[in-house]
C-alpha atoms as a PDB file:
ATOM      1  CA  VAL A   1     109.592  90.505 106.705  1.00  0.00           C
ATOM      2  CA  PRO A   2     107.062  90.947 103.867  1.00  0.00           C
ATOM      3  CA  SER A   3     108.136  92.909 100.807  1.00  0.00           C
ATOM      4  CA  LEU A   4     106.484  94.038  97.577  1.00  0.00           C
ATOM      5  CA  PHE A   5     103.019  94.604  99.005  1.00  0.00           C
ATOM      6  CA  THR A   6     100.137  97.012  98.451  1.00  0.00           C
ATOM      7  CA  PHE A   7      99.286  99.812 100.884  1.00  0.00           C
ATOM      8  CA  ASN A   8      95.978  99.868 102.732  1.00  0.00           C
ATOM      9  CA  ILE A   9      94.834 103.480 102.875  1.00  0.00           C
ATOM     10  CA  ASP A  10      92.284 105.221 105.094  1.00  0.00           C
ATOM     11  CA  ASP A  11      91.161 108.307 103.172  1.00  0.00           C
ATOM     12  CA  SER A  12      87.792 109.263 101.711  1.00  0.00           C
ATOM     13  CA  LEU A  13      89.550 110.687  98.634  1.00  0.00           C
ATOM     14  CA  ILE A  14      90.045 107.283  97.017  1.00  0.00           C
ATOM     15  CA  GLU A  15      86.758 105.673  98.077  1.00  0.00           C
ATOM     16  CA  GLY A  16      84.951 104.394  94.999  1.00  0.00           C
ATOM     17  CA  LEU A  17      87.983 104.885  92.741  1.00  0.00           C
ATOM     18  CA  ALA A  18      89.133 101.248  92.540  1.00  0.00           C
ATOM     19  CA  GLY A  19      90.564 100.577  89.096  1.00  0.00           C
ATOM     20  CA  VAL A  20      91.648 104.162  88.434  1.00  0.00           C
ATOM     21  CA  SER A  21      95.302 104.325  87.427  1.00  0.00           C
ATOM     22  CA  VAL A  22      97.805 107.089  86.780  1.00  0.00           C
ATOM     23  CA  PRO A  23     100.675 106.223  84.416  1.00  0.00           C
ATOM     24  CA  ASP A  24     103.249 108.389  86.180  1.00  0.00           C
ATOM     25  CA  ALA A  25     103.151 109.562  89.795  1.00  0.00           C
ATOM     26  CA  GLU A  26     105.705 110.070  92.553  1.00  0.00           C
ATOM     27  CA  VAL A  27     105.128 108.161  95.794  1.00  0.00           C
ATOM     28  CA  ALA A  28     107.119 108.963  98.939  1.00  0.00           C
ATOM     29  CA  LEU A  29     107.136 107.289 102.349  1.00  0.00           C
ATOM     30  CA  LEU A  30     106.906 109.394 105.509  1.00  0.00           C
ATOM     31  CA  THR A  31     107.146 107.679 108.895  1.00  0.00           C
ATOM     32  CA  GLU A  32     106.626 109.215 112.325  1.00  0.00           C
ATOM     33  CA  GLY A  33     109.320 111.708 113.246  1.00  0.00           C
ATOM     34  CA  GLN A  34     110.418 112.343 109.665  1.00  0.00           C
ATOM     35  CA  LYS A  35     110.080 115.870 108.331  1.00  0.00           C
ATOM     36  CA  LYS A  36     111.083 114.891 104.825  1.00  0.00           C
ATOM     37  CA  PRO A  37     110.645 111.503 103.141  1.00  0.00           C
ATOM     38  CA  LYS A  38     113.805 109.463 102.658  1.00  0.00           C
ATOM     39  CA  LEU A  39     112.290 107.010 100.198  1.00  0.00           C
ATOM     40  CA  LYS A  40     110.644 107.963  96.908  1.00  0.00           C
ATOM     41  CA  GLU A  41     109.595 106.019  93.856  1.00  0.00           C
ATOM     42  CA  ARG A  42     108.052 107.060  90.592  1.00  0.00           C
ATOM     43  CA  GLY A  43     105.932 105.217  88.055  1.00  0.00           C
ATOM     44  CA  PRO A  44     102.412 103.876  87.514  1.00  0.00           C
ATOM     45  CA  VAL A  45     100.033 103.944  90.491  1.00  0.00           C
ATOM     46  CA  LEU A  46      96.807 101.965  90.724  1.00  0.00           C
ATOM     47  CA  ILE A  47      94.001 102.699  93.161  1.00  0.00           C
ATOM     48  CA  THR A  48      92.511  99.507  94.598  1.00  0.00           C
ATOM     49  CA  HIS A  49      89.505  98.676  96.774  1.00  0.00           C
ATOM     50  CA  THR A  50      91.682  98.973  99.863  1.00  0.00           C
ATOM     51  CA  GLY A  51      94.366 101.498  98.946  1.00  0.00           C
ATOM     52  CA  ILE A  52      97.090 101.918  96.347  1.00  0.00           C
ATOM     53  CA  SER A  53      99.213  99.523  94.323  1.00  0.00           C
ATOM     54  CA  GLY A  54     101.090  99.575  91.022  1.00  0.00           C
ATOM     55  CA  PRO A  55     104.823  99.446  90.237  1.00  0.00           C
ATOM     56  CA  ALA A  56     105.721 102.678  92.070  1.00  0.00           C
ATOM     57  CA  ALA A  57     103.960 101.643  95.290  1.00  0.00           C
ATOM     58  CA  LEU A  58     105.357  98.105  95.141  1.00  0.00           C
ATOM     59  CA  ARG A  59     108.922  99.346  94.685  1.00  0.00           C
ATOM     60  CA  LEU A  60     108.452 101.748  97.600  1.00  0.00           C
ATOM     61  CA  SER A  61     107.239  98.869  99.787  1.00  0.00           C
ATOM     62  CA  ALA A  62     110.343  96.871  98.855  1.00  0.00           C
ATOM     63  CA  PHE A  63     112.826  99.590  99.826  1.00  0.00           C
ATOM     64  CA  GLY A  64     110.801 100.468 102.930  1.00  0.00           C
ATOM     65  CA  ALA A  65     109.944  96.873 103.959  1.00  0.00           C
ATOM     66  CA  ARG A  66     111.958  96.797 107.187  1.00  0.00           C
ATOM     67  CA  GLU A  67     111.085 100.370 108.138  1.00  0.00           C
ATOM     68  CA  LEU A  68     107.359  99.784 107.641  1.00  0.00           C
ATOM     69  CA  HIS A  69     107.482  96.495 109.544  1.00  0.00           C
ATOM     70  CA  ALA A  70     109.132  98.298 112.473  1.00  0.00           C
ATOM     71  CA  VAL A  71     106.269 100.815 112.737  1.00  0.00           C
ATOM     72  CA  GLY A  72     103.493  98.269 112.309  1.00  0.00           C
ATOM     73  CA  TYR A  73     102.673  99.481 108.804  1.00  0.00           C
ATOM     74  CA  LYS A  74     101.413 102.807 110.158  1.00  0.00           C
ATOM     75  CA  ALA A  75     102.837 105.656 108.126  1.00  0.00           C
ATOM     76  CA  LYS A  76     101.973 108.171 105.445  1.00  0.00           C
ATOM     77  CA  VAL A  77     102.497 108.305 101.721  1.00  0.00           C
ATOM     78  CA  LEU A  78     102.925 111.574  99.887  1.00  0.00           C
ATOM     79  CA  LEU A  79     101.837 111.446  96.267  1.00  0.00           C
ATOM     80  CA  ASN A  80     102.585 113.936  93.563  1.00  0.00           C
ATOM     81  CA  TRP A  81     100.084 113.002  90.887  1.00  0.00           C
ATOM     82  CA  LEU A  82     101.771 115.329  88.370  1.00  0.00           C
ATOM     83  CA  PRO A  83     105.527 114.868  88.921  1.00  0.00           C
ATOM     84  CA  ASP A  84     106.434 116.314  85.514  1.00  0.00           C
ATOM     85  CA  MET A  85     104.778 119.629  86.350  1.00  0.00           C
ATOM     86  CA  PRO A  86     107.569 122.197  86.942  1.00  0.00           C
ATOM     87  CA  GLY A  87     107.405 124.060  90.226  1.00  0.00           C
ATOM     88  CA  GLY A  88     105.548 121.444  92.226  1.00  0.00           C
ATOM     89  CA  ASN A  89     102.562 122.836  94.113  1.00  0.00           C
ATOM     90  CA  GLN A  90     103.014 126.342  92.668  1.00  0.00           C
ATOM     91  CA  GLY A  91     103.313 124.957  89.157  1.00  0.00           C
ATOM     92  CA  VAL A  92     100.050 123.046  89.513  1.00  0.00           C
ATOM     93  CA  PHE A  93      98.378 126.154  90.916  1.00  0.00           C
ATOM     94  CA  GLU A  94      99.468 128.207  87.910  1.00  0.00           C
ATOM     95  CA  GLU A  95      98.143 125.557  85.512  1.00  0.00           C
ATOM     96  CA  LEU A  96      94.822 125.564  87.350  1.00  0.00           C
ATOM     97  CA  GLU A  97      94.656 129.337  87.042  1.00  0.00           C
ATOM     98  CA  ILE A  98      95.154 128.972  83.285  1.00  0.00           C
ATOM     99  CA  SER A  99      92.338 126.415  83.159  1.00  0.00           C
ATOM    100  CA  LYS A 100      90.137 128.864  85.031  1.00  0.00           C
ATOM    101  CA  LYS A 101      91.010 131.682  82.629  1.00  0.00           C
ATOM    102  CA  TYR A 102      90.183 129.737  79.464  1.00  0.00           C
ATOM    103  CA  ASN A 103      87.208 127.739  80.776  1.00  0.00           C
ATOM    104  CA  PRO A 104      85.249 130.229  82.908  1.00  0.00           C
ATOM    105  CA  ALA A 105      81.782 128.929  82.018  1.00  0.00           C
ATOM    106  CA  LYS A 106      82.508 125.223  82.456  1.00  0.00           C
ATOM    107  CA  ALA A 107      81.659 123.334  85.624  1.00  0.00           C
ATOM    108  CA  ILE A 108      84.937 122.490  87.357  1.00  0.00           C
ATOM    109  CA  GLY A 109      83.808 118.921  87.976  1.00  0.00           C
ATOM    110  CA  GLY A 110      81.894 118.538  84.735  1.00  0.00           C
ATOM    111  CA  SER A 111      82.425 116.028  81.955  1.00  0.00           C
ATOM    112  CA  THR A 112      84.192 118.548  79.697  1.00  0.00           C
ATOM    113  CA  SER A 113      86.266 120.358  82.303  1.00  0.00           C
ATOM    114  CA  PRO A 114      90.066 120.260  81.898  1.00  0.00           C
ATOM    115  CA  THR A 115      91.690 117.804  84.327  1.00  0.00           C
ATOM    116  CA  LEU A 116      95.416 118.486  83.851  1.00  0.00           C
ATOM    117  CA  SER A 117      95.580 115.062  82.148  1.00  0.00           C
ATOM    118  CA  LEU A 118      94.446 113.266  85.309  1.00  0.00           C
ATOM    119  CA  PRO A 119      91.759 110.564  85.048  1.00  0.00           C
ATOM    120  CA  ARG A 120      88.401 112.345  85.234  1.00  0.00           C
ATOM    121  CA  ARG A 121      87.125 110.282  88.158  1.00  0.00           C
ATOM    122  CA  LEU A 122      90.244 111.126  90.153  1.00  0.00           C
ATOM    123  CA  TRP A 123      89.967 114.797  89.184  1.00  0.00           C
ATOM    124  CA  GLN A 124      86.359 114.938  90.319  1.00  0.00           C
ATOM    125  CA  ALA A 125      87.336 113.261  93.586  1.00  0.00           C
ATOM    126  CA  PHE A 126      89.976 115.951  94.178  1.00  0.00           C
ATOM    127  CA  VAL A 127      87.419 118.695  93.515  1.00  0.00           C
ATOM    128  CA  ILE A 128      84.944 117.253  96.016  1.00  0.00           C
ATOM    129  CA  ASP A 129      87.658 116.410  98.543  1.00  0.00           C
ATOM    130  CA  VAL A 130      88.768 120.053  98.900  1.00  0.00           C
ATOM    131  CA  GLY A 131      85.178 121.229  99.300  1.00  0.00           C
ATOM    132  CA  ILE A 132      84.440 122.633  95.844  1.00  0.00           C
ATOM    133  CA  ASP A 133      80.976 122.071  94.396  1.00  0.00           C
ATOM    134  CA  PRO A 134      81.664 120.112  91.193  1.00  0.00           C
ATOM    135  CA  GLU A 135      78.855 122.018  89.466  1.00  0.00           C
ATOM    136  CA  LYS A 136      80.439 125.377  90.237  1.00  0.00           C
ATOM    137  CA  LYS A 137      81.793 127.282  87.243  1.00  0.00           C
ATOM    138  CA  TRP A 138      85.521 127.777  87.048  1.00  0.00           C
ATOM    139  CA  SER A 139      85.002 131.542  87.146  1.00  0.00           C
ATOM    140  CA  ASP A 140      83.272 131.254  90.523  1.00  0.00           C
ATOM    141  CA  VAL A 141      85.932 129.131  92.214  1.00  0.00           C
ATOM    142  CA  LYS A 142      87.887 131.114  94.804  1.00  0.00           C
ATOM    143  CA  GLN A 143      91.635 131.375  94.525  1.00  0.00           C
ATOM    144  CA  THR A 144      91.997 129.883  98.004  1.00  0.00           C
ATOM    145  CA  ASP A 145      90.151 126.778  96.795  1.00  0.00           C
ATOM    146  CA  ILE A 146      92.339 126.615  93.709  1.00  0.00           C
ATOM    147  CA  ARG A 147      95.370 126.562  95.999  1.00  0.00           C
ATOM    148  CA  LYS A 148      93.845 123.781  98.091  1.00  0.00           C
ATOM    149  CA  LEU A 149      93.231 121.788  94.924  1.00  0.00           C
ATOM    150  CA  ALA A 150      96.813 122.319  93.760  1.00  0.00           C
ATOM    151  CA  MET A 151      98.170 121.177  97.120  1.00  0.00           C
ATOM    152  CA  ARG A 152      96.021 118.044  97.128  1.00  0.00           C
ATOM    153  CA  ILE A 153      97.281 117.115  93.665  1.00  0.00           C
ATOM    154  CA  ALA A 154     100.977 117.932  94.129  1.00  0.00           C
ATOM    155  CA  ARG A 155     101.343 116.895  97.765  1.00  0.00           C
ATOM    156  CA  CYS A 156      98.594 114.385  98.447  1.00  0.00           C
ATOM    157  CA  GLU A 157      99.038 112.983 101.939  1.00  0.00           C
ATOM    158  CA  LEU A 158      97.376 109.632 102.583  1.00  0.00           C
ATOM    159  CA  GLN A 159      97.416 107.561 105.767  1.00  0.00           C
ATOM    160  CA  ILE A 160      98.738 104.011 105.546  1.00  0.00           C
ATOM    161  CA  VAL A 161      96.843 101.766 107.977  1.00  0.00           C
ATOM    162  CA  GLY A 162      98.293  98.432 106.922  1.00  0.00           C
ATOM    163  CA  LYS A 163      99.586  96.320 104.076  1.00  0.00           C
ATOM    164  CA  GLY A 164      97.923  93.866 101.755  1.00  0.00           C
ATOM    165  CA  THR A 165      96.425  90.762 103.346  1.00  0.00           C
ATOM    166  CA  PHE A 166      98.909  88.164 104.595  1.00  0.00           C
ATOM    167  CA  LYS A 167     100.195  85.915 101.794  1.00  0.00           C
ATOM    168  CA  GLU A 168      99.361  88.521  99.136  1.00  0.00           C
ATOM    169  CA  GLU A 169     102.929  89.817  99.350  1.00  0.00           C
ATOM    170  CA  PHE A 170     105.135  88.933  96.404  1.00  0.00           C
ATOM    171  CA  VAL A 171     108.379  88.251  98.290  1.00  0.00           C
ATOM    172  CA  THR A 172     110.008  88.575 101.694  1.00  0.00           C
ATOM    173  CA  ALA A 173     112.936  90.695 102.830  1.00  0.00           C
ATOM    174  CA  GLY A 174     115.541  89.196 105.152  1.00  0.00           C
ATOM    175  CA  GLY A 175     116.870  85.657 105.476  1.00  0.00           C
ATOM    176  CA  ILE A 176     120.277  83.988 105.389  1.00  0.00           C
ATOM    177  CA  ALA A 177     122.960  86.691 105.326  1.00  0.00           C
ATOM    178  CA  LEU A 178     124.823  86.608 102.014  1.00  0.00           C
ATOM    179  CA  PRO A 179     128.361  87.036 103.459  1.00  0.00           C
ATOM    180  CA  GLY A 180     127.957  83.587 104.998  1.00  0.00           C
ATOM    181  CA  VAL A 181     127.194  81.943 101.664  1.00  0.00           C
ATOM    182  CA  ASP A 182     129.560  80.832  98.900  1.00  0.00           C
ATOM    183  CA  MET A 183     127.535  82.346  96.066  1.00  0.00           C
ATOM    184  CA  LYS A 184     129.363  80.297  93.429  1.00  0.00           C
ATOM    185  CA  ARG A 185     127.978  77.117  94.943  1.00  0.00           C
ATOM    186  CA  MET A 186     125.165  78.462  97.169  1.00  0.00           C
ATOM    187  CA  GLN A 187     126.771  76.559 100.051  1.00  0.00           C
ATOM    188  CA  SER A 188     127.087  77.662 103.648  1.00  0.00           C
ATOM    189  CA  LYS A 189     130.621  78.786 104.476  1.00  0.00           C
ATOM    190  CA  SER A 190     130.296  77.526 108.039  1.00  0.00           C
ATOM    191  CA  VAL A 191     128.334  74.289 107.486  1.00  0.00           C
ATOM    192  CA  PRO A 192     129.659  72.254 104.543  1.00  0.00           C
ATOM    193  CA  GLY A 193     126.933  70.362 102.728  1.00  0.00           C
ATOM    194  CA  LEU A 194     124.240  72.922 103.593  1.00  0.00           C
ATOM    195  CA  PHE A 195     122.919  74.725 100.522  1.00  0.00           C
ATOM    196  CA  PHE A 196     120.483  77.616 100.127  1.00  0.00           C
ATOM    197  CA  ALA A 197     118.273  78.953  97.355  1.00  0.00           C
ATOM    198  CA  GLY A 198     115.405  81.333  96.723  1.00  0.00           C
ATOM    199  CA  GLU A 199     113.421  83.112  99.438  1.00  0.00           C
ATOM    200  CA  VAL A 200     115.467  81.687 102.312  1.00  0.00           C
ATOM    201  CA  LEU A 201     118.291  84.049 101.284  1.00  0.00           C
ATOM    202  CA  ASP A 202     118.424  87.732 102.179  1.00  0.00           C
ATOM    203  CA  ILE A 203     117.626  88.769  98.616  1.00  0.00           C
ATOM    204  CA  ASP A 204     114.606  90.778  97.543  1.00  0.00           C
ATOM    205  CA  GLY A 205     114.487  92.766  94.342  1.00  0.00           C
ATOM    206  CA  ILE A 206     112.056  95.305  92.965  1.00  0.00           C
ATOM    207  CA  THR A 207     109.075  94.288  90.864  1.00  0.00           C
ATOM    208  CA  GLY A 208     109.833  93.213  87.324  1.00  0.00           C
ATOM    209  CA  GLY A 209     110.740  89.529  87.522  1.00  0.00           C
ATOM    210  CA  TYR A 210     114.005  89.969  89.415  1.00  0.00           C
ATOM    211  CA  ASN A 211     112.894  87.868  92.379  1.00  0.00           C
ATOM    212  CA  LEU A 212     111.809  85.026  90.123  1.00  0.00           C
ATOM    213  CA  GLN A 213     115.143  85.179  88.324  1.00  0.00           C
ATOM    214  CA  SER A 214     116.973  85.103  91.647  1.00  0.00           C
ATOM    215  CA  ALA A 215     115.002  82.038  92.750  1.00  0.00           C
ATOM    216  CA  TRP A 216     115.632  80.234  89.478  1.00  0.00           C
ATOM    217  CA  SER A 217     119.338  81.108  89.341  1.00  0.00           C
ATOM    218  CA  THR A 218     120.166  80.275  92.956  1.00  0.00           C
ATOM    219  CA  GLY A 219     118.079  77.099  92.711  1.00  0.00           C
ATOM    220  CA  CYS A 220     119.954  76.017  89.613  1.00  0.00           C
ATOM    221  CA  ILE A 221     123.353  76.667  91.196  1.00  0.00           C
ATOM    222  CA  ALA A 222     122.400  74.937  94.448  1.00  0.00           C
ATOM    223  CA  GLY A 223     120.989  71.938  92.571  1.00  0.00           C
ATOM    224  CA  ARG A 224     124.111  71.495  90.491  1.00  0.00           C
ATOM    225  CA  SER A 225     126.295  71.860  93.577  1.00  0.00           C
ATOM    226  CA  VAL A 226     124.338  69.207  95.455  1.00  0.00           C
ATOM    227  CA  ALA A 227     124.562  66.890  92.435  1.00  0.00           C
ATOM    228  CA  GLN A 228     128.309  67.420  92.325  1.00  0.00           C
ATOM    229  CA  VAL A 229     128.655  66.511  96.016  1.00  0.00           C
ATOM    230  CA  VAL A 230     126.547  63.375  95.539  1.00  0.00           C
ATOM    231  CA  ASN A 231     128.615  62.277  92.547  1.00  0.00           C
ATOM    232  CA  GLU A 232     131.846  62.830  94.437  1.00  0.00           C
ATOM    233  CA  HIS A 233     130.658  60.492  97.192  1.00  0.00           C
ATOM    234  CA  ALA A 234     129.027  57.898  94.923  1.00  0.00           C
END
């Protein structure tokens, strides 16, 4: 099954935000029937024209490849855009209240408004998404709206409607089961003379060059093993 792919997202929040990136966010996968996510990853997240990508999302797709394939790539991602903020949702709310206290006359969606270190375009999208007029002064924003904003930032639920287009995936999960392979020679244990390498094996690593290294290493071992067999029968 495909692995290391981007998520296609259906949510007005990220429309028009392609190219916006956050250096550190937490991304969790929530499939139907789950009350709490079992899979979480943290790292850079990039908003694309069709959804989200970046190292954190790609790693999550790798660990959830089989699970997502089983549900037809229909699931939800929960993003915490400020994972270092203590207290989660409540912590973000308290920081927003501080911003309100010290910036009462500024427009909450204005060019000089505090954004809790989030990219300004993303911040402004959050403000609009929860129904706050971006021109409204901080002092006039209701506490209930501040709480909505905090929730959207700390527990941002987005609907996955698919994965990246076919053949855009980086690797595949699944393949020849490793217990049936002599890894020192990359030869089948049940069919002598049959060798395996690369993507045909049930090996898929996280992003970072590990899959390329696996392909090169297994290919090298298999090639040398085949050469040895040929020489023995020459």
